[in-house]
All heavy atoms as atom14 arrays in JSON, in Angstrom:
{
  "sequence": "LLARNPVMFVVAVVSLLTTVLFLRDLLTGGGQLGFSFQIILWLWFTVL",
  "atom14_mask": [
    [1, 1, 1, 1, 1, 1, 1, 1, 0, 0, 0, 0, 0, 0],
    [1, 1, 1, 1, 1, 1, 1, 1, 0, 0, 0, 0, 0, 0],
    [1, 1, 1, 1, 1, 0, 0, 0, 0, 0, 0, 0, 0, 0],
    [1, 1, 1, 1, 1, 1, 1, 1, 1, 1, 1, 0, 0, 0],
    [1, 1, 1, 1, 1, 1, 1, 1, 0, 0, 0, 0, 0, 0],
    [1, 1, 1, 1, 1, 1, 1, 0, 0, 0, 0, 0, 0, 0],
    [1, 1, 1, 1, 1, 1, 1, 0, 0, 0, 0, 0, 0, 0],
    [1, 1, 1, 1, 1, 1, 1, 1, 0, 0, 0, 0, 0, 0],
    [1, 1, 1, 1, 1, 1, 1, 1, 1, 1, 1, 0, 0, 0],
    [1, 1, 1, 1, 1, 1, 1, 0, 0, 0, 0, 0, 0, 0],
    [1, 1, 1, 1, 1, 1, 1, 0, 0, 0, 0, 0, 0, 0],
    [1, 1, 1, 1, 1, 0, 0, 0, 0, 0, 0, 0, 0, 0],
    [1, 1, 1, 1, 1, 1, 1, 0, 0, 0, 0, 0, 0, 0],
    [1, 1, 1, 1, 1, 1, 1, 0, 0, 0, 0, 0, 0, 0],
    [1, 1, 1, 1, 1, 1, 0, 0, 0, 0, 0, 0, 0, 0],
    [1, 1, 1, 1, 1, 1, 1, 1, 0, 0, 0, 0, 0, 0],
    [1, 1, 1, 1, 1, 1, 1, 1, 0, 0, 0, 0, 0, 0],
    [1, 1, 1, 1, 1, 1, 1, 0, 0, 0, 0, 0, 0, 0],
    [1, 1, 1, 1, 1, 1, 1, 0, 0, 0, 0, 0, 0, 0],
    [1, 1, 1, 1, 1, 1, 1, 0, 0, 0, 0, 0, 0, 0],
    [1, 1, 1, 1, 1, 1, 1, 1, 0, 0, 0, 0, 0, 0],
    [1, 1, 1, 1, 1, 1, 1, 1, 1, 1, 1, 0, 0, 0],
    [1, 1, 1, 1, 1, 1, 1, 1, 0, 0, 0, 0, 0, 0],
    [1, 1, 1, 1, 1, 1, 1, 1, 1, 1, 1, 0, 0, 0],
    [1, 1, 1, 1, 1, 1, 1, 1, 0, 0, 0, 0, 0, 0],
    [1, 1, 1, 1, 1, 1, 1, 1, 0, 0, 0, 0, 0, 0],
    [1, 1, 1, 1, 1, 1, 1, 1, 0, 0, 0, 0, 0, 0],
    [1, 1, 1, 1, 1, 1, 1, 0, 0, 0, 0, 0, 0, 0],
    [1, 1, 1, 1, 0, 0, 0, 0, 0, 0, 0, 0, 0, 0],
    [1, 1, 1, 1, 0, 0, 0, 0, 0, 0, 0, 0, 0, 0],
    [1, 1, 1, 1, 0, 0, 0, 0, 0, 0, 0, 0, 0, 0],
    [1, 1, 1, 1, 1, 1, 1, 1, 1, 0, 0, 0, 0, 0],
    [1, 1, 1, 1, 1, 1, 1, 1, 0, 0, 0, 0, 0, 0],
    [1, 1, 1, 1, 0, 0, 0, 0, 0, 0, 0, 0, 0, 0],
    [1, 1, 1, 1, 1, 1, 1, 1, 1, 1, 1, 0, 0, 0],
    [1, 1, 1, 1, 1, 1, 0, 0, 0, 0, 0, 0, 0, 0],
    [1, 1, 1, 1, 1, 1, 1, 1, 1, 1, 1, 0, 0, 0],
    [1, 1, 1, 1, 1, 1, 1, 1, 1, 0, 0, 0, 0, 0],
    [1, 1, 1, 1, 1, 1, 1, 1, 0, 0, 0, 0, 0, 0],
    [1, 1, 1, 1, 1, 1, 1, 1, 0, 0, 0, 0, 0, 0],
    [1, 1, 1, 1, 1, 1, 1, 1, 0, 0, 0, 0, 0, 0],
    [1, 1, 1, 1, 1, 1, 1, 1, 1, 1, 1, 1, 1, 1],
    [1, 1, 1, 1, 1, 1, 1, 1, 0, 0, 0, 0, 0, 0],
    [1, 1, 1, 1, 1, 1, 1, 1, 1, 1, 1, 1, 1, 1],
    [1, 1, 1, 1, 1, 1, 1, 1, 1, 1, 1, 0, 0, 0],
    [1, 1, 1, 1, 1, 1, 1, 0, 0, 0, 0, 0, 0, 0],
    [1, 1, 1, 1, 1, 1, 1, 0, 0, 0, 0, 0, 0, 0],
    [1, 1, 1, 1, 1, 1, 1, 1, 0, 0, 0, 0, 0, 0]
  ],
  "atom14_positions": [
    [[-104.56, -53.3, -30.27], [-103.78, -54.19, -29.42], [-103.99, -53.86, -27.95], [-104.11, -54.76, -27.11], [-102.3, -54.08, -29.78], [-101.92, -54.46, -31.22], [-100.43, -54.26, -31.45], [-102.3, -55.91, -31.52], [0.0, 0.0, 0.0], [0.0, 0.0, 0.0], [0.0, 0.0, 0.0], [0.0, 0.0, 0.0], [0.0, 0.0, 0.0], [0.0, 0.0, 0.0]],
    [[-104.06, -52.57, -27.63], [-104.26, -52.16, -26.24], [-105.61, -52.63, -25.7], [-105.75, -52.92, -24.5], [-104.17, -50.64, -26.12], [-102.75, -50.03, -26.13], [-102.84, -48.51, -26.16], [-101.95, -50.49, -24.93], [0.0, 0.0, 0.0], [0.0, 0.0, 0.0], [0.0, 0.0, 0.0], [0.0, 0.0, 0.0], [0.0, 0.0, 0.0], [0.0, 0.0, 0.0]],
    [[-106.6, -52.72, -26.57], [-107.95, -53.09, -26.14], [-108.01, -54.49, -25.56], [-108.95, -54.84, -24.84], [-108.93, -52.96, -27.3], [0.0, 0.0, 0.0], [0.0, 0.0, 0.0], [0.0, 0.0, 0.0], [0.0, 0.0, 0.0], [0.0, 0.0, 0.0], [0.0, 0.0, 0.0], [0.0, 0.0, 0.0], [0.0, 0.0, 0.0], [0.0, 0.0, 0.0]],
    [[-106.98, -55.33, -25.86], [-106.96, -56.69, -25.3], [-106.7, -56.67, -23.8], [-106.98, -57.66, -23.12], [-105.87, -57.51, -26.0], [-106.06, -57.68, -27.49], [-104.86, -58.39, -28.1], [-104.94, -58.45, -29.55], [-103.95, -58.91, -30.32], [-102.83, -59.36, -29.77], [-104.09, -58.94, -31.62], [0.0, 0.0, 0.0], [0.0, 0.0, 0.0], [0.0, 0.0, 0.0]],
    [[-106.14, -55.56, -23.32], [-105.85, -55.43, -21.88], [-106.66, -54.26, -21.35], [-106.26, -53.1, -21.48], [-104.35, -55.18, -21.69], [-103.93, -55.24, -20.23], [-104.7, -54.92, -19.35], [-102.68, -55.63, -20.0], [0.0, 0.0, 0.0], [0.0, 0.0, 0.0], [0.0, 0.0, 0.0], [0.0, 0.0, 0.0], [0.0, 0.0, 0.0], [0.0, 0.0, 0.0]],
    [[-107.83, -54.52, -20.73], [-108.73, -53.42, -20.33], [-108.09, -52.39, -19.42], [-108.33, -51.18, -19.58], [-109.86, -54.17, -19.59], [-109.81, -55.57, -20.12], [-108.38, -55.84, -20.42], [0.0, 0.0, 0.0], [0.0, 0.0, 0.0], [0.0, 0.0, 0.0], [0.0, 0.0, 0.0], [0.0, 0.0, 0.0], [0.0, 0.0, 0.0], [0.0, 0.0, 0.0]],
    [[-107.28, -52.84, -18.46], [-106.68, -51.91, -17.5], [-105.75, -50.94, -18.22], [-105.84, -49.72, -18.06], [-105.93, -52.66, -16.39], [-105.2, -51.68, -15.47], [-106.89, -53.52, -15.59], [0.0, 0.0, 0.0], [0.0, 0.0, 0.0], [0.0, 0.0, 0.0], [0.0, 0.0, 0.0], [0.0, 0.0, 0.0], [0.0, 0.0, 0.0], [0.0, 0.0, 0.0]],
    [[-104.83, -51.48, -19.03], [-103.87, -50.61, -19.69], [-104.52, -49.79, -20.81], [-104.04, -48.7, -21.15], [-102.7, -51.45, -20.25], [-101.93, -52.24, -19.2], [-101.58, -51.32, -17.66], [-100.59, -49.97, -18.26], [0.0, 0.0, 0.0], [0.0, 0.0, 0.0], [0.0, 0.0, 0.0], [0.0, 0.0, 0.0], [0.0, 0.0, 0.0], [0.0, 0.0, 0.0]],
    [[-105.59, -50.29, -21.36], [-106.33, -49.51, -22.35], [-106.91, -48.25, -21.7], [-106.85, -47.14, -22.26], [-107.46, -50.34, -22.96], [-108.28, -49.61, -23.98], [-107.79, -49.33, -25.24], [-109.57, -49.18, -23.68], [-108.53, -48.64, -26.18], [-110.33, -48.51, -24.6], [-109.82, -48.23, -25.85], [0.0, 0.0, 0.0], [0.0, 0.0, 0.0], [0.0, 0.0, 0.0]],
    [[-107.46, -48.4, -20.48], [-108.01, -47.26, -19.75], [-106.88, -46.26, -19.43], [-107.07, -45.04, -19.55], [-108.73, -47.73, -18.47], [-109.07, -46.53, -17.58], [-109.99, -48.49, -18.83], [0.0, 0.0, 0.0], [0.0, 0.0, 0.0], [0.0, 0.0, 0.0], [0.0, 0.0, 0.0], [0.0, 0.0, 0.0], [0.0, 0.0, 0.0], [0.0, 0.0, 0.0]],
    [[-105.71, -46.77, -19.01], [-104.59, -45.9, -18.7], [-104.18, -45.12, -19.95], [-103.88, -43.92, -19.88], [-103.39, -46.72, -18.16], [-102.18, -45.8, -17.93], [-103.77, -47.39, -16.84], [0.0, 0.0, 0.0], [0.0, 0.0, 0.0], [0.0, 0.0, 0.0], [0.0, 0.0, 0.0], [0.0, 0.0, 0.0], [0.0, 0.0, 0.0], [0.0, 0.0, 0.0]],
    [[-104.16, -45.79, -21.09], [-103.79, -45.11, -22.34], [-104.81, -44.02, -22.69], [-104.44, -42.93, -23.16], [-103.69, -46.14, -23.47], [0.0, 0.0, 0.0], [0.0, 0.0, 0.0], [0.0, 0.0, 0.0], [0.0, 0.0, 0.0], [0.0, 0.0, 0.0], [0.0, 0.0, 0.0], [0.0, 0.0, 0.0], [0.0, 0.0, 0.0], [0.0, 0.0, 0.0]],
    [[-106.1, -44.31, -22.46], [-107.14, -43.33, -22.78], [-106.99, -42.08, -21.92], [-107.04, -40.95, -22.42], [-108.55, -43.97, -22.59], [-109.63, -42.89, -22.65], [-108.8, -45.01, -23.66], [0.0, 0.0, 0.0], [0.0, 0.0, 0.0], [0.0, 0.0, 0.0], [0.0, 0.0, 0.0], [0.0, 0.0, 0.0], [0.0, 0.0, 0.0], [0.0, 0.0, 0.0]],
    [[-106.81, -42.28, -20.59], [-106.69, -41.11, -19.71], [-105.38, -40.38, -19.95], [-105.29, -39.15, -19.77], [-106.84, -41.5, -18.22], [-108.23, -42.05, -17.95], [-105.77, -42.49, -17.78], [0.0, 0.0, 0.0], [0.0, 0.0, 0.0], [0.0, 0.0, 0.0], [0.0, 0.0, 0.0], [0.0, 0.0, 0.0], [0.0, 0.0, 0.0], [0.0, 0.0, 0.0]],
    [[-104.33, -41.11, -20.38], [-103.06, -40.47, -20.74], [-103.25, -39.56, -21.95], [-102.74, -38.43, -21.99], [-101.98, -41.51, -21.04], [-101.74, -42.33, -19.92], [0.0, 0.0, 0.0], [0.0, 0.0, 0.0], [0.0, 0.0, 0.0], [0.0, 0.0, 0.0], [0.0, 0.0, 0.0], [0.0, 0.0, 0.0], [0.0, 0.0, 0.0], [0.0, 0.0, 0.0]],
    [[-104.0, -40.06, -22.91], [-104.29, -39.26, -24.11], [-105.14, -38.04, -23.74], [-104.9, -36.92, -24.24], [-105.03, -40.12, -25.14], [-105.37, -39.45, -26.47], [-104.11, -38.99, -27.19], [-106.18, -40.39, -27.35], [0.0, 0.0, 0.0], [0.0, 0.0, 0.0], [0.0, 0.0, 0.0], [0.0, 0.0, 0.0], [0.0, 0.0, 0.0], [0.0, 0.0, 0.0]],
    [[-106.11, -38.22, -22.84], [-106.96, -37.11, -22.41], [-106.14, -36.02, -21.75], [-106.28, -34.82, -22.08], [-108.03, -37.63, -21.44], [-108.88, -36.57, -20.73], [-109.73, -35.79, -21.74], [-109.78, -37.22, -19.68], [0.0, 0.0, 0.0], [0.0, 0.0, 0.0], [0.0, 0.0, 0.0], [0.0, 0.0, 0.0], [0.0, 0.0, 0.0], [0.0, 0.0, 0.0]],
    [[-105.26, -36.4, -20.83], [-104.44, -35.39, -20.13], [-103.46, -34.74, -21.09], [-103.09, -33.55, -20.92], [-103.69, -36.02, -18.96], [-102.98, -37.2, -19.41], [-104.64, -36.44, -17.86], [0.0, 0.0, 0.0], [0.0, 0.0, 0.0], [0.0, 0.0, 0.0], [0.0, 0.0, 0.0], [0.0, 0.0, 0.0], [0.0, 0.0, 0.0], [0.0, 0.0, 0.0]],
    [[-103.0, -35.47, -22.09], [-102.09, -34.88, -23.09], [-102.8, -33.78, -23.86], [-102.24, -32.7, -24.11], [-101.58, -35.96, -24.05], [-100.9, -36.99, -23.31], [-100.63, -35.38, -25.07], [0.0, 0.0, 0.0], [0.0, 0.0, 0.0], [0.0, 0.0, 0.0], [0.0, 0.0, 0.0], [0.0, 0.0, 0.0], [0.0, 0.0, 0.0], [0.0, 0.0, 0.0]],
    [[-104.05, -34.06, -24.25], [-104.84, -33.06, -24.99], [-105.07, -31.82, -24.11], [-104.92, -30.67, -24.57], [-106.19, -33.66, -25.43], [-107.1, -32.57, -26.0], [-105.96, -34.75, -26.46], [0.0, 0.0, 0.0], [0.0, 0.0, 0.0], [0.0, 0.0, 0.0], [0.0, 0.0, 0.0], [0.0, 0.0, 0.0], [0.0, 0.0, 0.0], [0.0, 0.0, 0.0]],
    [[-105.39, -32.04, -22.83], [-105.6, -30.92, -21.92], [-104.32, -30.12, -21.71], [-104.33, -28.89, -21.59], [-106.13, -31.42, -20.57], [-107.53, -32.04, -20.6], [-107.91, -32.57, -19.22], [-108.56, -31.02, -21.09], [0.0, 0.0, 0.0], [0.0, 0.0, 0.0], [0.0, 0.0, 0.0], [0.0, 0.0, 0.0], [0.0, 0.0, 0.0], [0.0, 0.0, 0.0]],
    [[-103.19, -30.82, -21.67], [-101.89, -30.15, -21.51], [-101.6, -29.26, -22.71], [-101.13, -28.11, -22.57], [-100.79, -31.2, -21.32], [-99.4, -30.61, -21.36], [-98.9, -29.92, -20.25], [-98.59, -30.72, -22.49], [-97.61, -29.37, -20.27], [-97.33, -30.18, -22.53], [-96.83, -29.5, -21.4], [0.0, 0.0, 0.0], [0.0, 0.0, 0.0], [0.0, 0.0, 0.0]],
    [[-101.85, -29.78, -23.9], [-101.63, -28.98, -25.12], [-102.54, -27.75, -25.12], [-102.13, -26.66, -25.55], [-101.87, -29.84, -26.35], [-100.87, -30.98, -26.57], [-101.29, -31.83, -27.78], [-99.46, -30.43, -26.79], [0.0, 0.0, 0.0], [0.0, 0.0, 0.0], [0.0, 0.0, 0.0], [0.0, 0.0, 0.0], [0.0, 0.0, 0.0], [0.0, 0.0, 0.0]],
    [[-103.75, -27.92, -24.63], [-104.65, -26.76, -24.54], [-104.09, -25.72, -23.58], [-104.06, -24.51, -23.9], [-106.02, -27.24, -24.05], [-107.08, -26.13, -23.97], [-108.21, -26.49, -23.03], [-107.71, -26.6, -21.64], [-108.46, -26.98, -20.61], [-109.74, -27.33, -20.81], [-107.94, -27.05, -19.4], [0.0, 0.0, 0.0], [0.0, 0.0, 0.0], [0.0, 0.0, 0.0]],
    [[-103.65, -26.16, -22.4], [-103.07, -25.22, -21.43], [-101.8, -24.6, -21.94], [-101.49, -23.42, -21.64], [-102.81, -25.95, -20.1], [-104.09, -26.38, -19.39], [-105.15, -25.84, -19.73], [-104.0, -27.28, -18.53], [0.0, 0.0, 0.0], [0.0, 0.0, 0.0], [0.0, 0.0, 0.0], [0.0, 0.0, 0.0], [0.0, 0.0, 0.0], [0.0, 0.0, 0.0]],
    [[-101.05, -25.35, -22.72], [-99.81, -24.82, -23.28], [-100.09, -23.67, -24.23], [-99.35, -22.67, -24.28], [-99.05, -25.95, -24.0], [-97.66, -25.61, -24.54], [-96.71, -25.25, -23.38], [-97.08, -26.77, -25.34], [0.0, 0.0, 0.0], [0.0, 0.0, 0.0], [0.0, 0.0, 0.0], [0.0, 0.0, 0.0], [0.0, 0.0, 0.0], [0.0, 0.0, 0.0]],
    [[-101.2, -23.79, -24.98], [-101.56, -22.75, -25.93], [-102.19, -21.55, -25.24], [-102.0, -20.4, -25.66], [-102.52, -23.32, -26.97], [-101.95, -24.37, -27.93], [-103.04, -24.94, -28.82], [-100.85, -23.76, -28.79], [0.0, 0.0, 0.0], [0.0, 0.0, 0.0], [0.0, 0.0, 0.0], [0.0, 0.0, 0.0], [0.0, 0.0, 0.0], [0.0, 0.0, 0.0]],
    [[-102.94, -21.82, -24.16], [-103.63, -20.73, -23.47], [-102.82, -20.15, -22.33], [-103.17, -19.09, -21.78], [-104.97, -21.24, -22.91], [-104.72, -22.31, -21.99], [-105.88, -21.73, -24.04], [0.0, 0.0, 0.0], [0.0, 0.0, 0.0], [0.0, 0.0, 0.0], [0.0, 0.0, 0.0], [0.0, 0.0, 0.0], [0.0, 0.0, 0.0], [0.0, 0.0, 0.0]],
    [[-101.75, -20.85, -21.93], [-100.9, -20.36, -20.86], [-101.43, -20.62, -19.48], [-100.97, -20.01, -18.5], [0.0, 0.0, 0.0], [0.0, 0.0, 0.0], [0.0, 0.0, 0.0], [0.0, 0.0, 0.0], [0.0, 0.0, 0.0], [0.0, 0.0, 0.0], [0.0, 0.0, 0.0], [0.0, 0.0, 0.0], [0.0, 0.0, 0.0], [0.0, 0.0, 0.0]],
    [[-102.41, -21.49, -19.31], [-102.97, -21.77, -18.01], [-102.43, -23.05, -17.42], [-101.77, -23.86, -18.09], [0.0, 0.0, 0.0], [0.0, 0.0, 0.0], [0.0, 0.0, 0.0], [0.0, 0.0, 0.0], [0.0, 0.0, 0.0], [0.0, 0.0, 0.0], [0.0, 0.0, 0.0], [0.0, 0.0, 0.0], [0.0, 0.0, 0.0], [0.0, 0.0, 0.0]],
    [[-102.7, -23.29, -16.13], [-102.35, -24.54, -15.46], [-100.89, -24.61, -15.04], [-100.07, -23.76, -15.39], [0.0, 0.0, 0.0], [0.0, 0.0, 0.0], [0.0, 0.0, 0.0], [0.0, 0.0, 0.0], [0.0, 0.0, 0.0], [0.0, 0.0, 0.0], [0.0, 0.0, 0.0], [0.0, 0.0, 0.0], [0.0, 0.0, 0.0], [0.0, 0.0, 0.0]],
    [[-100.59, -25.64, -14.26], [-99.21, -25.9, -13.81], [-98.53, -26.77, -14.87], [-98.54, -28.0, -14.78], [-99.22, -26.6, -12.45], [-99.83, -25.75, -11.34], [-99.89, -26.52, -10.02], [-100.32, -27.66, -9.97], [-99.47, -25.86, -8.95], [0.0, 0.0, 0.0], [0.0, 0.0, 0.0], [0.0, 0.0, 0.0], [0.0, 0.0, 0.0], [0.0, 0.0, 0.0]],
    [[-97.95, -26.14, -15.86], [-97.46, -26.87, -17.03], [-96.33, -27.85, -16.66], [-96.32, -28.99, -17.16], [-96.97, -25.87, -18.07], [-98.07, -24.97, -18.69], [-97.47, -24.02, -19.7], [-99.16, -25.82, -19.32], [0.0, 0.0, 0.0], [0.0, 0.0, 0.0], [0.0, 0.0, 0.0], [0.0, 0.0, 0.0], [0.0, 0.0, 0.0], [0.0, 0.0, 0.0]],
    [[-95.38, -27.42, -15.86], [-94.27, -28.3, -15.51], [-94.73, -29.53, -14.77], [-94.33, -30.66, -15.08], [0.0, 0.0, 0.0], [0.0, 0.0, 0.0], [0.0, 0.0, 0.0], [0.0, 0.0, 0.0], [0.0, 0.0, 0.0], [0.0, 0.0, 0.0], [0.0, 0.0, 0.0], [0.0, 0.0, 0.0], [0.0, 0.0, 0.0], [0.0, 0.0, 0.0]],
    [[-95.6, -29.34, -13.78], [-96.13, -30.46, -13.01], [-96.97, -31.39, -13.89], [-96.81, -32.62, -13.86], [-96.97, -29.92, -11.85], [-97.69, -30.97, -11.05], [-96.99, -31.86, -10.25], [-99.07, -31.08, -11.12], [-97.65, -32.84, -9.52], [-99.74, -32.05, -10.39], [-99.02, -32.94, -9.59], [0.0, 0.0, 0.0], [0.0, 0.0, 0.0], [0.0, 0.0, 0.0]],
    [[-97.84, -30.79, -14.72], [-98.68, -31.59, -15.61], [-97.85, -32.4, -16.6], [-98.15, -33.57, -16.87], [-99.65, -30.68, -16.38], [-100.52, -30.03, -15.49], [0.0, 0.0, 0.0], [0.0, 0.0, 0.0], [0.0, 0.0, 0.0], [0.0, 0.0, 0.0], [0.0, 0.0, 0.0], [0.0, 0.0, 0.0], [0.0, 0.0, 0.0], [0.0, 0.0, 0.0]],
    [[-96.8, -31.76, -17.15], [-95.97, -32.46, -18.11], [-95.32, -33.71, -17.51], [-95.26, -34.77, -18.12], [-94.89, -31.53, -18.66], [-93.92, -32.19, -19.6], [-94.3, -32.49, -20.9], [-92.64, -32.55, -19.17], [-93.42, -33.13, -21.76], [-91.76, -33.18, -20.03], [-92.14, -33.46, -21.33], [0.0, 0.0, 0.0], [0.0, 0.0, 0.0], [0.0, 0.0, 0.0]],
    [[-94.82, -33.57, -16.29], [-94.17, -34.71, -15.62], [-95.17, -35.85, -15.36], [-94.86, -37.03, -15.55], [-93.53, -34.26, -14.31], [-92.34, -33.32, -14.51], [-91.72, -32.91, -13.19], [-91.07, -33.73, -12.53], [-91.93, -31.66, -12.78], [0.0, 0.0, 0.0], [0.0, 0.0, 0.0], [0.0, 0.0, 0.0], [0.0, 0.0, 0.0], [0.0, 0.0, 0.0]],
    [[-96.37, -35.48, -14.93], [-97.4, -36.5, -14.69], [-97.74, -37.24, -15.99], [-97.81, -38.47, -16.03], [-98.68, -35.85, -14.09], [-98.41, -35.32, -12.69], [-99.84, -36.86, -14.07], [-98.14, -36.4, -11.66], [0.0, 0.0, 0.0], [0.0, 0.0, 0.0], [0.0, 0.0, 0.0], [0.0, 0.0, 0.0], [0.0, 0.0, 0.0], [0.0, 0.0, 0.0]],
    [[-97.96, -36.45, -17.05], [-98.31, -37.05, -18.35], [-97.2, -37.97, -18.86], [-97.44, -39.06, -19.36], [-98.62, -35.95, -19.38], [-99.9, -35.21, -18.97], [-98.75, -36.53, -20.78], [-100.14, -33.93, -19.74], [0.0, 0.0, 0.0], [0.0, 0.0, 0.0], [0.0, 0.0, 0.0], [0.0, 0.0, 0.0], [0.0, 0.0, 0.0], [0.0, 0.0, 0.0]],
    [[-95.95, -37.5, -18.69], [-94.8, -38.3, -19.12], [-94.78, -39.67, -18.44], [-94.61, -40.7, -19.1], [-93.51, -37.53, -18.82], [-92.21, -38.14, -19.35], [-92.21, -38.13, -20.87], [-91.01, -37.37, -18.81], [0.0, 0.0, 0.0], [0.0, 0.0, 0.0], [0.0, 0.0, 0.0], [0.0, 0.0, 0.0], [0.0, 0.0, 0.0], [0.0, 0.0, 0.0]],
    [[-95.01, -39.68, -17.14], [-94.97, -40.95, -16.4], [-96.23, -41.8, -16.66], [-96.17, -43.03, -16.57], [-94.8, -40.7, -14.91], [-93.37, -40.31, -14.61], [-92.88, -39.07, -14.36], [-92.25, -41.22, -14.58], [-91.51, -39.12, -14.17], [-91.1, -40.43, -14.3], [-92.1, -42.58, -14.75], [-89.84, -40.97, -14.18], [-90.83, -43.15, -14.63], [-89.73, -42.35, -14.36]],
    [[-97.32, -41.16, -17.02], [-98.5, -41.92, -17.41], [-98.21, -42.73, -18.68], [-98.53, -43.92, -18.78], [-99.7, -41.0, -17.65], [-100.36, -40.4, -16.4], [-101.43, -39.39, -16.81], [-100.97, -41.51, -15.54], [0.0, 0.0, 0.0], [0.0, 0.0, 0.0], [0.0, 0.0, 0.0], [0.0, 0.0, 0.0], [0.0, 0.0, 0.0], [0.0, 0.0, 0.0]],
    [[-97.59, -42.07, -19.66], [-97.23, -42.77, -20.91], [-96.15, -43.83, -20.64], [-96.17, -44.9, -21.26], [-96.76, -41.78, -21.97], [-97.89, -41.04, -22.62], [-98.17, -39.71, -22.56], [-98.92, -41.62, -23.44], [-99.29, -39.42, -23.27], [-99.77, -40.56, -23.83], [-99.2, -42.92, -23.88], [-100.89, -40.78, -24.64], [-100.32, -43.14, -24.68], [-101.14, -42.08, -25.06]],
    [[-95.23, -43.53, -19.73], [-94.23, -44.55, -19.36], [-94.9, -45.79, -18.78], [-94.47, -46.93, -19.03], [-93.23, -43.97, -18.34], [-92.1, -43.21, -18.96], [-91.44, -42.2, -18.24], [-91.67, -43.48, -20.25], [-90.4, -41.5, -18.81], [-90.63, -42.78, -20.83], [-89.98, -41.78, -20.1], [0.0, 0.0, 0.0], [0.0, 0.0, 0.0], [0.0, 0.0, 0.0]],
    [[-95.96, -45.58, -18.0], [-96.67, -46.73, -17.42], [-97.21, -47.63, -18.52], [-97.09, -48.86, -18.45], [-97.84, -46.24, -16.53], [-97.32, -45.38, -15.5], [-98.56, -47.41, -15.87], [0.0, 0.0, 0.0], [0.0, 0.0, 0.0], [0.0, 0.0, 0.0], [0.0, 0.0, 0.0], [0.0, 0.0, 0.0], [0.0, 0.0, 0.0], [0.0, 0.0, 0.0]],
    [[-97.83, -47.05, -19.53], [-98.35, -47.82, -20.65], [-97.21, -48.51, -21.42], [-97.28, -49.69, -21.76], [-99.17, -46.93, -21.61], [-99.69, -47.74, -22.78], [-100.31, -46.28, -20.87], [0.0, 0.0, 0.0], [0.0, 0.0, 0.0], [0.0, 0.0, 0.0], [0.0, 0.0, 0.0], [0.0, 0.0, 0.0], [0.0, 0.0, 0.0], [0.0, 0.0, 0.0]],
    [[-96.14, -47.74, -21.69], [-95.02, -48.3, -22.45], [-94.32, -49.42, -21.68], [-93.91, -50.43, -22.28], [-94.02, -47.19, -22.79], [-94.48, -46.19, -23.86], [-93.49, -45.03, -23.95], [-94.62, -46.89, -25.21], [0.0, 0.0, 0.0], [0.0, 0.0, 0.0], [0.0, 0.0, 0.0], [0.0, 0.0, 0.0], [0.0, 0.0, 0.0], [0.0, 0.0, 0.0]]
  ]
}
């Protein structure tokens, strides 16, 4: 369904990418987790 809207499909793809990277950092303990989490949250809100 998302593929019907190219712009929002791209937003969903990059949201998924950052989510995967966040989970990686969460397991390894690297990165600014709090800042990244808030960005990812609002990225998914944009799609929703």
